Amino acid sequence: RLAFAGWQLDMRERQLTSPQGVVVPLAQSDYRVLCALVQNPRRTLSRDYLADYVFGKERQAQDRAIDVCVSRLRQHLEHDPRQAQWIRTVRNAGYLLACDVTELPQT
């Protein structure tokens, strides 16, 4: 389990839990984008890297698919998705998770 910005991501159970303890359902592609970001906190990940990670090397041309996933994640994670605090866009580079991630002990 990983914790970031009050949220918890249980990668074994594939569950995202809000700071209020509410389990937030995620689409498979959104979950995979979030996994990539939390495994690489404060590191810019390119759209191409994220697309390969989420959809695989054999992916079809899906120019905006990663942007759509990030937009949906922001709807869940951010107080104001238009003023992203946790998932930031790095112009001409990609996206980064702008907070520390800690590993939680298994219970």
PDB file of N, CA and C in Angstrom:
ATOM      1  N   ARG A   1       0.837  -1.184   0.000  1.00  0.00           N
ATOM      2  CA  ARG A   1       0.000   0.000   0.000  1.00  0.00           C
ATOM      3  C   ARG A   1       0.872   1.234   0.000  1.00  0.00           C
ATOM      4  N   LEU A   2       0.462   2.194  -0.776  1.00  0.00           N
ATOM      5  CA  LEU A   2       1.199   3.453  -0.882  1.00  0.00           C
ATOM      6  C   LEU A   2       0.302   4.601  -0.441  1.00  0.00           C
ATOM      7  N   ALA A   3       0.890   5.575   0.233  1.00  0.00           N
ATOM      8  CA  ALA A   3       0.144   6.745   0.690  1.00  0.00           C
ATOM      9  C   ALA A   3       0.740   7.997   0.060  1.00  0.00           C
ATOM     10  N   PHE A   4      -0.155   8.899  -0.355  1.00  0.00           N
ATOM     11  CA  PHE A   4       0.277  10.174  -0.942  1.00  0.00           C
ATOM     12  C   PHE A   4      -0.841  11.186  -0.745  1.00  0.00           C
ATOM     13  N   ALA A   5      -0.481  12.357  -0.275  1.00  0.00           N
ATOM     14  CA  ALA A   5      -1.418  13.474  -0.131  1.00  0.00           C
ATOM     15  C   ALA A   5      -2.710  13.080   0.595  1.00  0.00           C
ATOM     16  N   GLY A   6      -2.614  12.186   1.566  1.00  0.00           N
ATOM     17  CA  GLY A   6      -3.788  11.749   2.305  1.00  0.00           C
ATOM     18  C   GLY A   6      -4.519  10.577   1.681  1.00  0.00           C
ATOM     19  N   TRP A   7      -4.183  10.232   0.471  1.00  0.00           N
ATOM     20  CA  TRP A   7      -4.806   9.124  -0.254  1.00  0.00           C
ATOM     21  C   TRP A   7      -4.017   7.850  -0.011  1.00  0.00           C
ATOM     22  N   GLN A   8      -4.656   6.708  -0.220  1.00  0.00           N
ATOM     23  CA  GLN A   8      -3.975   5.421  -0.146  1.00  0.00           C
ATOM     24  C   GLN A   8      -4.299   4.606  -1.388  1.00  0.00           C
ATOM     25  N   LEU A   9      -3.262   3.999  -1.941  1.00  0.00           N
ATOM     26  CA  LEU A   9      -3.430   3.122  -3.097  1.00  0.00           C
ATOM     27  C   LEU A   9      -2.944   1.740  -2.697  1.00  0.00           C
ATOM     28  N   ASP A  10      -3.876   0.803  -2.643  1.00  0.00           N
ATOM     29  CA  ASP A  10      -3.550  -0.582  -2.340  1.00  0.00           C
ATOM     30  C   ASP A  10      -3.388  -1.285  -3.679  1.00  0.00           C
ATOM     31  N   MET A  11      -2.134  -1.522  -4.050  1.00  0.00           N
ATOM     32  CA  MET A  11      -1.866  -2.088  -5.366  1.00  0.00           C
ATOM     33  C   MET A  11      -2.205  -3.576  -5.430  1.00  0.00           C
ATOM     34  N   ARG A  12      -2.208  -4.242  -4.301  1.00  0.00           N
ATOM     35  CA  ARG A  12      -2.583  -5.664  -4.282  1.00  0.00           C
ATOM     36  C   ARG A  12      -4.086  -5.812  -4.518  1.00  0.00           C
ATOM     37  N   GLU A  13      -4.871  -4.953  -3.855  1.00  0.00           N
ATOM     38  CA  GLU A  13      -6.330  -5.008  -3.981  1.00  0.00           C
ATOM     39  C   GLU A  13      -6.865  -4.120  -5.108  1.00  0.00           C
ATOM     40  N   ARG A  14      -5.973  -3.315  -5.683  1.00  0.00           N
ATOM     41  CA  ARG A  14      -6.346  -2.379  -6.753  1.00  0.00           C
ATOM     42  C   ARG A  14      -7.418  -1.404  -6.273  1.00  0.00           C
ATOM     43  N   GLN A  15      -7.189  -0.817  -5.075  1.00  0.00           N
ATOM     44  CA  GLN A  15      -8.156   0.116  -4.502  1.00  0.00           C
ATOM     45  C   GLN A  15      -7.500   1.448  -4.172  1.00  0.00           C
ATOM     46  N   LEU A  16      -8.202   2.506  -4.552  1.00  0.00           N
ATOM     47  CA  LEU A  16      -7.820   3.856  -4.173  1.00  0.00           C
ATOM     48  C   LEU A  16      -8.782   4.303  -3.085  1.00  0.00           C
ATOM     49  N   THR A  17      -8.227   4.768  -1.956  1.00  0.00           N
ATOM     50  CA  THR A  17      -9.057   5.199  -0.832  1.00  0.00           C
ATOM     51  C   THR A  17      -8.778   6.667  -0.550  1.00  0.00           C
ATOM     52  N   SER A  18      -9.841   7.449  -0.445  1.00  0.00           N
ATOM     53  CA  SER A  18      -9.738   8.890  -0.204  1.00  0.00           C
ATOM     54  C   SER A  18      -9.291   9.161   1.228  1.00  0.00           C
ATOM     55  N   PRO A  19      -8.884  10.405   1.509  1.00  0.00           N
ATOM     56  CA  PRO A  19      -8.538  10.765   2.893  1.00  0.00           C
ATOM     57  C   PRO A  19      -9.702  10.562   3.870  1.00  0.00           C
ATOM     58  N   GLN A  20     -10.933  10.551   3.367  1.00  0.00           N
ATOM     59  CA  GLN A  20     -12.110  10.342   4.204  1.00  0.00           C
ATOM     60  C   GLN A  20     -12.448   8.856   4.358  1.00  0.00           C
ATOM     61  N   GLY A  21     -11.660   7.981   3.754  1.00  0.00           N
ATOM     62  CA  GLY A  21     -11.879   6.541   3.870  1.00  0.00           C
ATOM     63  C   GLY A  21     -12.821   5.955   2.844  1.00  0.00           C
ATOM     64  N   VAL A  22     -13.155   6.715   1.804  1.00  0.00           N
ATOM     65  CA  VAL A  22     -14.072   6.251   0.763  1.00  0.00           C
ATOM     66  C   VAL A  22     -13.258   5.588  -0.353  1.00  0.00           C
ATOM     67  N   VAL A  23     -13.670   4.368  -0.737  1.00  0.00           N
ATOM     68  CA  VAL A  23     -13.021   3.679  -1.849  1.00  0.00           C
ATOM     69  C   VAL A  23     -13.522   4.291  -3.155  1.00  0.00           C
ATOM     70  N   VAL A  24     -12.580   4.699  -4.000  1.00  0.00           N
ATOM     71  CA  VAL A  24     -12.899   5.362  -5.261  1.00  0.00           C
ATOM     72  C   VAL A  24     -12.655   4.376  -6.404  1.00  0.00           C
ATOM     73  N   PRO A  25     -13.704   4.010  -7.139  1.00  0.00           N
ATOM     74  CA  PRO A  25     -13.509   3.093  -8.267  1.00  0.00           C
ATOM     75  C   PRO A  25     -12.787   3.793  -9.417  1.00  0.00           C
ATOM     76  N   LEU A  26     -11.848   3.059 -10.011  1.00  0.00           N
ATOM     77  CA  LEU A  26     -11.084   3.609 -11.132  1.00  0.00           C
ATOM     78  C   LEU A  26     -11.180   2.668 -12.330  1.00  0.00           C
ATOM     79  N   ALA A  27     -11.226   3.257 -13.515  1.00  0.00           N
ATOM     80  CA  ALA A  27     -11.114   2.474 -14.741  1.00  0.00           C
ATOM     81  C   ALA A  27      -9.716   1.866 -14.795  1.00  0.00           C
ATOM     82  N   GLN A  28      -9.577   0.759 -15.496  1.00  0.00           N
ATOM     83  CA  GLN A  28      -8.285   0.071 -15.608  1.00  0.00           C
ATOM     84  C   GLN A  28      -7.184   1.016 -16.086  1.00  0.00           C
ATOM     85  N   SER A  29      -7.450   1.789 -17.118  1.00  0.00           N
ATOM     86  CA  SER A  29      -6.413   2.687 -17.657  1.00  0.00           C
ATOM     87  C   SER A  29      -6.065   3.785 -16.647  1.00  0.00           C
ATOM     88  N   ASP A  30      -7.044   4.320 -15.937  1.00  0.00           N
ATOM     89  CA  ASP A  30      -6.784   5.347 -14.926  1.00  0.00           C
ATOM     90  C   ASP A  30      -5.936   4.767 -13.791  1.00  0.00           C
ATOM     91  N   TYR A  31      -6.272   3.565 -13.366  1.00  0.00           N
ATOM     92  CA  TYR A  31      -5.511   2.888 -12.316  1.00  0.00           C
ATOM     93  C   TYR A  31      -4.052   2.712 -12.738  1.00  0.00           C
ATOM     94  N   ARG A  32      -3.822   2.297 -13.966  1.00  0.00           N
ATOM     95  CA  ARG A  32      -2.449   2.075 -14.442  1.00  0.00           C
ATOM     96  C   ARG A  32      -1.668   3.385 -14.521  1.00  0.00           C
ATOM     97  N   VAL A  33      -2.308   4.465 -14.948  1.00  0.00           N
ATOM     98  CA  VAL A  33      -1.635   5.772 -14.963  1.00  0.00           C
ATOM     99  C   VAL A  33      -1.260   6.166 -13.539  1.00  0.00           C
ATOM    100  N   LEU A  34      -2.186   6.013 -12.610  1.00  0.00           N
ATOM    101  CA  LEU A  34      -1.911   6.354 -11.219  1.00  0.00           C
ATOM    102  C   LEU A  34      -0.770   5.497 -10.663  1.00  0.00           C
ATOM    103  N   CYS A  35      -0.754   4.215 -10.972  1.00  0.00           N
ATOM    104  CA  CYS A  35       0.345   3.345 -10.524  1.00  0.00           C
ATOM    105  C   CYS A  35       1.690   3.862 -11.027  1.00  0.00           C
ATOM    106  N   ALA A  36       1.751   4.221 -12.287  1.00  0.00           N
ATOM    107  CA  ALA A  36       3.008   4.740 -12.848  1.00  0.00           C
ATOM    108  C   ALA A  36       3.438   6.005 -12.117  1.00  0.00           C
ATOM    109  N   LEU A  37       2.501   6.893 -11.846  1.00  0.00           N
ATOM    110  CA  LEU A  37       2.827   8.153 -11.177  1.00  0.00           C
ATOM    111  C   LEU A  37       3.287   7.935  -9.734  1.00  0.00           C
ATOM    112  N   VAL A  38       2.589   7.078  -8.981  1.00  0.00           N
ATOM    113  CA  VAL A  38       2.973   6.888  -7.574  1.00  0.00           C
ATOM    114  C   VAL A  38       4.271   6.103  -7.438  1.00  0.00           C
ATOM    115  N   GLN A  39       4.613   5.326  -8.446  1.00  0.00           N
ATOM    116  CA  GLN A  39       5.884   4.601  -8.410  1.00  0.00           C
ATOM    117  C   GLN A  39       7.055   5.487  -8.831  1.00  0.00           C
ATOM    118  N   ASN A  40       6.733   6.671  -9.339  1.00  0.00           N
ATOM    119  CA  ASN A  40       7.761   7.624  -9.789  1.00  0.00           C
ATOM    120  C   ASN A  40       7.422   9.029  -9.305  1.00  0.00           C
ATOM    121  N   PRO A  41       7.265   9.227  -7.981  1.00  0.00           N
ATOM    122  CA  PRO A  41       6.858  10.547  -7.498  1.00  0.00           C
ATOM    123  C   PRO A  41       7.892  11.616  -7.817  1.00  0.00           C
ATOM    124  N   ARG A  42       7.381  12.806  -8.104  1.00  0.00           N
ATOM    125  CA  ARG A  42       8.205  13.983  -8.397  1.00  0.00           C
ATOM    126  C   ARG A  42       9.124  13.786  -9.604  1.00  0.00           C
ATOM    127  N   ARG A  43       8.744  12.864 -10.458  1.00  0.00           N
ATOM    128  CA  ARG A  43       9.496  12.610 -11.685  1.00  0.00           C
ATOM    129  C   ARG A  43       8.541  12.772 -12.863  1.00  0.00           C
ATOM    130  N   THR A  44       8.960  13.544 -13.852  1.00  0.00           N
ATOM    131  CA  THR A  44       8.121  13.759 -15.032  1.00  0.00           C
ATOM    132  C   THR A  44       8.111  12.499 -15.887  1.00  0.00           C
ATOM    133  N   LEU A  45       6.902  12.038 -16.204  1.00  0.00           N
ATOM    134  CA  LEU A  45       6.722  10.884 -17.076  1.00  0.00           C
ATOM    135  C   LEU A  45       6.075  11.365 -18.374  1.00  0.00           C
ATOM    136  N   SER A  46       6.690  11.025 -19.476  1.00  0.00           N
ATOM    137  CA  SER A  46       6.173  11.480 -20.771  1.00  0.00           C
ATOM    138  C   SER A  46       4.870  10.770 -21.109  1.00  0.00           C
ATOM    139  N   ARG A  47       4.098  11.376 -21.990  1.00  0.00           N
ATOM    140  CA  ARG A  47       2.852  10.743 -22.446  1.00  0.00           C
ATOM    141  C   ARG A  47       3.165   9.406 -23.117  1.00  0.00           C
ATOM    142  N   ASP A  48       4.254   9.357 -23.896  1.00  0.00           N
ATOM    143  CA  ASP A  48       4.625   8.105 -24.562  1.00  0.00           C
ATOM    144  C   ASP A  48       4.954   7.015 -23.549  1.00  0.00           C
ATOM    145  N   TYR A  49       5.705   7.368 -22.503  1.00  0.00           N
ATOM    146  CA  TYR A  49       6.025   6.385 -21.461  1.00  0.00           C
ATOM    147  C   TYR A  49       4.734   5.879 -20.812  1.00  0.00           C
ATOM    148  N   LEU A  50       3.855   6.808 -20.446  1.00  0.00           N
ATOM    149  CA  LEU A  50       2.599   6.434 -19.807  1.00  0.00           C
ATOM    150  C   LEU A  50       1.734   5.579 -20.736  1.00  0.00           C
ATOM    151  N   ALA A  51       1.679   5.933 -22.001  1.00  0.00           N
ATOM    152  CA  ALA A  51       0.879   5.156 -22.955  1.00  0.00           C
ATOM    153  C   ALA A  51       1.429   3.741 -23.088  1.00  0.00           C
ATOM    154  N   ASP A  52       2.759   3.602 -23.161  1.00  0.00           N
ATOM    155  CA  ASP A  52       3.359   2.267 -23.223  1.00  0.00           C
ATOM    156  C   ASP A  52       3.069   1.482 -21.950  1.00  0.00           C
ATOM    157  N   TYR A  53       3.156   2.142 -20.807  1.00  0.00           N
ATOM    158  CA  TYR A  53       2.916   1.495 -19.518  1.00  0.00           C
ATOM    159  C   TYR A  53       1.455   1.046 -19.390  1.00  0.00           C
ATOM    160  N   VAL A  54       0.558   1.885 -19.848  1.00  0.00           N
ATOM    161  CA  VAL A  54      -0.878   1.618 -19.686  1.00  0.00           C
ATOM    162  C   VAL A  54      -1.410   0.681 -20.764  1.00  0.00           C
ATOM    163  N   PHE A  55      -1.065   0.949 -22.011  1.00  0.00           N
ATOM    164  CA  PHE A  55      -1.668   0.228 -23.125  1.00  0.00           C
ATOM    165  C   PHE A  55      -0.733  -0.781 -23.783  1.00  0.00           C
ATOM    166  N   GLY A  56       0.551  -0.757 -23.437  1.00  0.00           N
ATOM    167  CA  GLY A  56       1.515  -1.687 -24.016  1.00  0.00           C
ATOM    168  C   GLY A  56       2.134  -1.156 -25.292  1.00  0.00           C
ATOM    169  N   LYS A  57       3.187  -1.822 -25.689  1.00  0.00           N
ATOM    170  CA  LYS A  57       3.943  -1.396 -26.882  1.00  0.00           C
ATOM    171  C   LYS A  57       3.119  -1.531 -28.159  1.00  0.00           C
ATOM    172  N   GLU A  58       2.146  -2.401 -28.151  1.00  0.00           N
ATOM    173  CA  GLU A  58       1.341  -2.655 -29.350  1.00  0.00           C
ATOM    174  C   GLU A  58       0.142  -1.725 -29.468  1.00  0.00           C
ATOM    175  N   ARG A  59       0.172  -0.639 -28.724  1.00  0.00           N
ATOM    176  CA  ARG A  59      -0.978   0.258 -28.675  1.00  0.00           C
ATOM    177  C   ARG A  59      -1.261   0.904 -30.027  1.00  0.00           C
ATOM    178  N   GLN A  60      -2.506   1.218 -30.229  1.00  0.00           N
ATOM    179  CA  GLN A  60      -2.923   1.991 -31.390  1.00  0.00           C
ATOM    180  C   GLN A  60      -2.615   3.460 -31.107  1.00  0.00           C
ATOM    181  N   ALA A  61      -2.598   4.276 -32.115  1.00  0.00           N
ATOM    182  CA  ALA A  61      -2.374   5.708 -31.907  1.00  0.00           C
ATOM    183  C   ALA A  61      -3.555   6.275 -31.109  1.00  0.00           C
ATOM    184  N   GLN A  62      -3.288   6.668 -29.881  1.00  0.00           N
ATOM    185  CA  GLN A  62      -4.332   7.211 -29.003  1.00  0.00           C
ATOM    186  C   GLN A  62      -3.788   8.500 -28.404  1.00  0.00           C
ATOM    187  N   ASP A  63      -3.734   9.527 -29.222  1.00  0.00           N
ATOM    188  CA  ASP A  63      -3.074  10.768 -28.842  1.00  0.00           C
ATOM    189  C   ASP A  63      -3.538  11.328 -27.508  1.00  0.00           C
ATOM    190  N   ARG A  64      -4.823  11.315 -27.261  1.00  0.00           N
ATOM    191  CA  ARG A  64      -5.355  11.995 -26.076  1.00  0.00           C
ATOM    192  C   ARG A  64      -5.747  11.034 -24.949  1.00  0.00           C
ATOM    193  N   ALA A  65      -5.531   9.750 -25.120  1.00  0.00           N
ATOM    194  CA  ALA A  65      -5.986   8.771 -24.126  1.00  0.00           C
ATOM    195  C   ALA A  65      -5.368   9.026 -22.753  1.00  0.00           C
ATOM    196  N   ILE A  66      -4.090   9.320 -22.690  1.00  0.00           N
ATOM    197  CA  ILE A  66      -3.432   9.580 -21.406  1.00  0.00           C
ATOM    198  C   ILE A  66      -3.968  10.870 -20.802  1.00  0.00           C
ATOM    199  N   ASP A  67      -4.179  11.877 -21.618  1.00  0.00           N
ATOM    200  CA  ASP A  67      -4.745  13.138 -21.118  1.00  0.00           C
ATOM    201  C   ASP A  67      -6.120  12.921 -20.506  1.00  0.00           C
ATOM    202  N   VAL A  68      -6.921  12.062 -21.118  1.00  0.00           N
ATOM    203  CA  VAL A  68      -8.261  11.755 -20.590  1.00  0.00           C
ATOM    204  C   VAL A  68      -8.138  11.029 -19.247  1.00  0.00           C
ATOM    205  N   CYS A  69      -7.212  10.076 -19.158  1.00  0.00           N
ATOM    206  CA  CYS A  69      -6.989   9.366 -17.877  1.00  0.00           C
ATOM    207  C   CYS A  69      -6.570  10.344 -16.785  1.00  0.00           C
ATOM    208  N   VAL A  70      -5.643  11.233 -17.100  1.00  0.00           N
ATOM    209  CA  VAL A  70      -5.174  12.209 -16.113  1.00  0.00           C
ATOM    210  C   VAL A  70      -6.318  13.132 -15.701  1.00  0.00           C
ATOM    211  N   SER A  71      -7.132  13.537 -16.648  1.00  0.00           N
ATOM    212  CA  SER A  71      -8.273  14.394 -16.339  1.00  0.00           C
ATOM    213  C   SER A  71      -9.224  13.692 -15.363  1.00  0.00           C
ATOM    214  N   ARG A  72      -9.511  12.412 -15.614  1.00  0.00           N
ATOM    215  CA  ARG A  72     -10.399  11.674 -14.708  1.00  0.00           C
ATOM    216  C   ARG A  72      -9.766  11.510 -13.331  1.00  0.00           C
ATOM    217  N   LEU A  73      -8.461  11.250 -13.274  1.00  0.00           N
ATOM    218  CA  LEU A  73      -7.777  11.135 -11.979  1.00  0.00           C
ATOM    219  C   LEU A  73      -7.846  12.449 -11.216  1.00  0.00           C
ATOM    220  N   ARG A  74      -7.656  13.550 -11.914  1.00  0.00           N
ATOM    221  CA  ARG A  74      -7.745  14.863 -11.264  1.00  0.00           C
ATOM    222  C   ARG A  74      -9.134  15.095 -10.694  1.00  0.00           C
ATOM    223  N   GLN A  75     -10.158  14.631 -11.378  1.00  0.00           N
ATOM    224  CA  GLN A  75     -11.526  14.780 -10.864  1.00  0.00           C
ATOM    225  C   GLN A  75     -11.660  14.087  -9.509  1.00  0.00           C
ATOM    226  N   HIS A  76     -10.981  12.965  -9.346  1.00  0.00           N
ATOM    227  CA  HIS A  76     -11.031  12.232  -8.084  1.00  0.00           C
ATOM    228  C   HIS A  76     -10.129  12.848  -7.017  1.00  0.00           C
ATOM    229  N   LEU A  77      -8.914  13.208  -7.386  1.00  0.00           N
ATOM    230  CA  LEU A  77      -7.874  13.556  -6.410  1.00  0.00           C
ATOM    231  C   LEU A  77      -7.813  15.026  -6.020  1.00  0.00           C
ATOM    232  N   GLU A  78      -8.176  15.892  -6.903  1.00  0.00           N
ATOM    233  CA  GLU A  78      -7.943  17.319  -6.704  1.00  0.00           C
ATOM    234  C   GLU A  78      -9.175  18.032  -6.146  1.00  0.00           C
ATOM    235  N   HIS A  79      -8.942  19.034  -5.310  1.00  0.00           N
ATOM    236  CA  HIS A  79     -10.042  19.885  -4.831  1.00  0.00           C
ATOM    237  C   HIS A  79     -10.607  20.695  -5.989  1.00  0.00           C
ATOM    238  N   ASP A  80      -9.705  21.224  -6.816  1.00  0.00           N
ATOM    239  CA  ASP A  80     -10.098  21.964  -8.017  1.00  0.00           C
ATOM    240  C   ASP A  80      -9.286  21.406  -9.179  1.00  0.00           C
ATOM    241  N   PRO A  81      -9.871  20.493  -9.975  1.00  0.00           N
ATOM    242  CA  PRO A  81      -9.130  19.854 -11.062  1.00  0.00           C
ATOM    243  C   PRO A  81      -8.512  20.828 -12.066  1.00  0.00           C
ATOM    244  N   ARG A  82      -9.068  22.032 -12.170  1.00  0.00           N
ATOM    245  CA  ARG A  82      -8.506  23.016 -13.102  1.00  0.00           C
ATOM    246  C   ARG A  82      -7.227  23.644 -12.563  1.00  0.00           C
ATOM    247  N   GLN A  83      -7.032  23.572 -11.249  1.00  0.00           N
ATOM    248  CA  GLN A  83      -5.819  24.075 -10.593  1.00  0.00           C
ATOM    249  C   GLN A  83      -5.115  22.883  -9.943  1.00  0.00           C
ATOM    250  N   ALA A  84      -4.620  21.987 -10.761  1.00  0.00           N
ATOM    251  CA  ALA A  84      -4.052  20.728 -10.283  1.00  0.00           C
ATOM    252  C   ALA A  84      -2.903  20.958  -9.311  1.00  0.00           C
ATOM    253  N   GLN A  85      -3.025  20.338  -8.162  1.00  0.00           N
ATOM    254  CA  GLN A  85      -1.990  20.433  -7.143  1.00  0.00           C
ATOM    255  C   GLN A  85      -1.144  19.164  -7.106  1.00  0.00           C
ATOM    256  N   TRP A  86      -1.768  17.994  -7.280  1.00  0.00           N
ATOM    257  CA  TRP A  86      -1.046  16.736  -7.122  1.00  0.00           C
ATOM    258  C   TRP A  86      -0.550  16.158  -8.437  1.00  0.00           C
ATOM    259  N   ILE A  87      -1.370  16.173  -9.466  1.00  0.00           N
ATOM    260  CA  ILE A  87      -0.915  15.679 -10.774  1.00  0.00           C
ATOM    261  C   ILE A  87      -0.714  16.897 -11.660  1.00  0.00           C
ATOM    262  N   ARG A  88       0.523  17.220 -11.880  1.00  0.00           N
ATOM    263  CA  ARG A  88       0.852  18.438 -12.624  1.00  0.00           C
ATOM    264  C   ARG A  88       1.262  18.122 -14.059  1.00  0.00           C
ATOM    265  N   THR A  89       0.897  19.030 -14.936  1.00  0.00           N
ATOM    266  CA  THR A  89       1.329  18.956 -16.315  1.00  0.00           C
ATOM    267  C   THR A  89       2.667  19.667 -16.431  1.00  0.00           C
ATOM    268  N   VAL A  90       3.628  18.997 -17.047  1.00  0.00           N
ATOM    269  CA  VAL A  90       4.919  19.612 -17.338  1.00  0.00           C
ATOM    270  C   VAL A  90       4.911  19.873 -18.837  1.00  0.00           C
ATOM    271  N   ARG A  91       4.794  21.124 -19.191  1.00  0.00           N
ATOM    272  CA  ARG A  91       4.614  21.504 -20.588  1.00  0.00           C
ATOM    273  C   ARG A  91       5.685  20.887 -21.492  1.00  0.00           C
ATOM    274  N   ASN A  92       5.228  20.288 -22.578  1.00  0.00           N
ATOM    275  CA  ASN A  92       6.065  19.633 -23.576  1.00  0.00           C
ATOM    276  C   ASN A  92       6.881  18.470 -23.026  1.00  0.00           C
ATOM    277  N   ALA A  93       6.499  17.962 -21.841  1.00  0.00           N
ATOM    278  CA  ALA A  93       7.256  16.856 -21.256  1.00  0.00           C
ATOM    279  C   ALA A  93       6.354  15.720 -20.770  1.00  0.00           C
ATOM    280  N   GLY A  94       5.242  16.035 -20.114  1.00  0.00           N
ATOM    281  CA  GLY A  94       4.371  14.983 -19.609  1.00  0.00           C
ATOM    282  C   GLY A  94       3.697  15.372 -18.310  1.00  0.00           C
ATOM    283  N   TYR A  95       3.641  14.420 -17.374  1.00  0.00           N
ATOM    284  CA  TYR A  95       2.957  14.627 -16.102  1.00  0.00           C
ATOM    285  C   TYR A  95       3.848  14.165 -14.961  1.00  0.00           C
ATOM    286  N   LEU A  96       3.600  14.763 -13.773  1.00  0.00           N
ATOM    287  CA  LEU A  96       4.294  14.289 -12.583  1.00  0.00           C
ATOM    288  C   LEU A  96       3.374  14.334 -11.385  1.00  0.00           C
ATOM    289  N   LEU A  97       3.631  13.437 -10.442  1.00  0.00           N
ATOM    290  CA  LEU A  97       2.922  13.443  -9.171  1.00  0.00           C
ATOM    291  C   LEU A  97       3.739  14.321  -8.238  1.00  0.00           C
ATOM    292  N   ALA A  98       3.170  15.456  -7.832  1.00  0.00           N
ATOM    293  CA  ALA A  98       3.901  16.493  -7.104  1.00  0.00           C
ATOM    294  C   ALA A  98       3.734  16.352  -5.596  1.00  0.00           C
ATOM    295  N   CYS A  99       3.994  15.159  -5.089  1.00  0.00           N
ATOM    296  CA  CYS A  99       3.966  14.940  -3.637  1.00  0.00           C
ATOM    297  C   CYS A  99       4.802  13.705  -3.326  1.00  0.00           C
ATOM    298  N   ASP A 100       5.126  13.559  -2.055  1.00  0.00           N
ATOM    299  CA  ASP A 100       5.886  12.388  -1.638  1.00  0.00           C
ATOM    300  C   ASP A 100       4.954  11.193  -1.509  1.00  0.00           C
ATOM    301  N   VAL A 101       5.517  10.015  -1.725  1.00  0.00           N
ATOM    302  CA  VAL A 101       4.785   8.759  -1.600  1.00  0.00           C
ATOM    303  C   VAL A 101       5.507   7.911  -0.552  1.00  0.00           C
ATOM    304  N   THR A 102       4.737   7.367   0.357  1.00  0.00           N
ATOM    305  CA  THR A 102       5.319   6.494   1.373  1.00  0.00           C
ATOM    306  C   THR A 102       4.663   5.125   1.313  1.00  0.00           C
ATOM    307  N   GLU A 103       5.450   4.122   1.620  1.00  0.00           N
ATOM    308  CA  GLU A 103       4.926   2.760   1.654  1.00  0.00           C
ATOM    309  C   GLU A 103       4.392   2.498   3.049  1.00  0.00           C
ATOM    310  N   LEU A 104       3.180   1.990   3.121  1.00  0.00           N
ATOM    311  CA  LEU A 104       2.544   1.681   4.395  1.00  0.00           C
ATOM    312  C   LEU A 104       2.746   0.218   4.741  1.00  0.00           C
ATOM    313  N   PRO A 105       2.859  -0.096   6.010  1.00  0.00           N
ATOM    314  CA  PRO A 105       2.993  -1.510   6.404  1.00  0.00           C
ATOM    315  C   PRO A 105       1.717  -2.281   6.063  1.00  0.00           C
ATOM    316  N   GLN A 106       1.877  -3.533   5.709  1.00  0.00           N
ATOM    317  CA  GLN A 106       0.721  -4.383   5.412  1.00  0.00           C
ATOM    318  C   GLN A 106       0.017  -4.714   6.721  1.00  0.00           C
ATOM    319  N   THR A 107      -1.309  -4.718   6.658  1.00  0.00           N
ATOM    320  CA  THR A 107      -2.087  -5.049   7.860  1.00  0.00           C
ATOM    321  C   THR A 107      -2.742  -6.392   7.727  1.00  0.00           C
TER     322      THR A 107
END
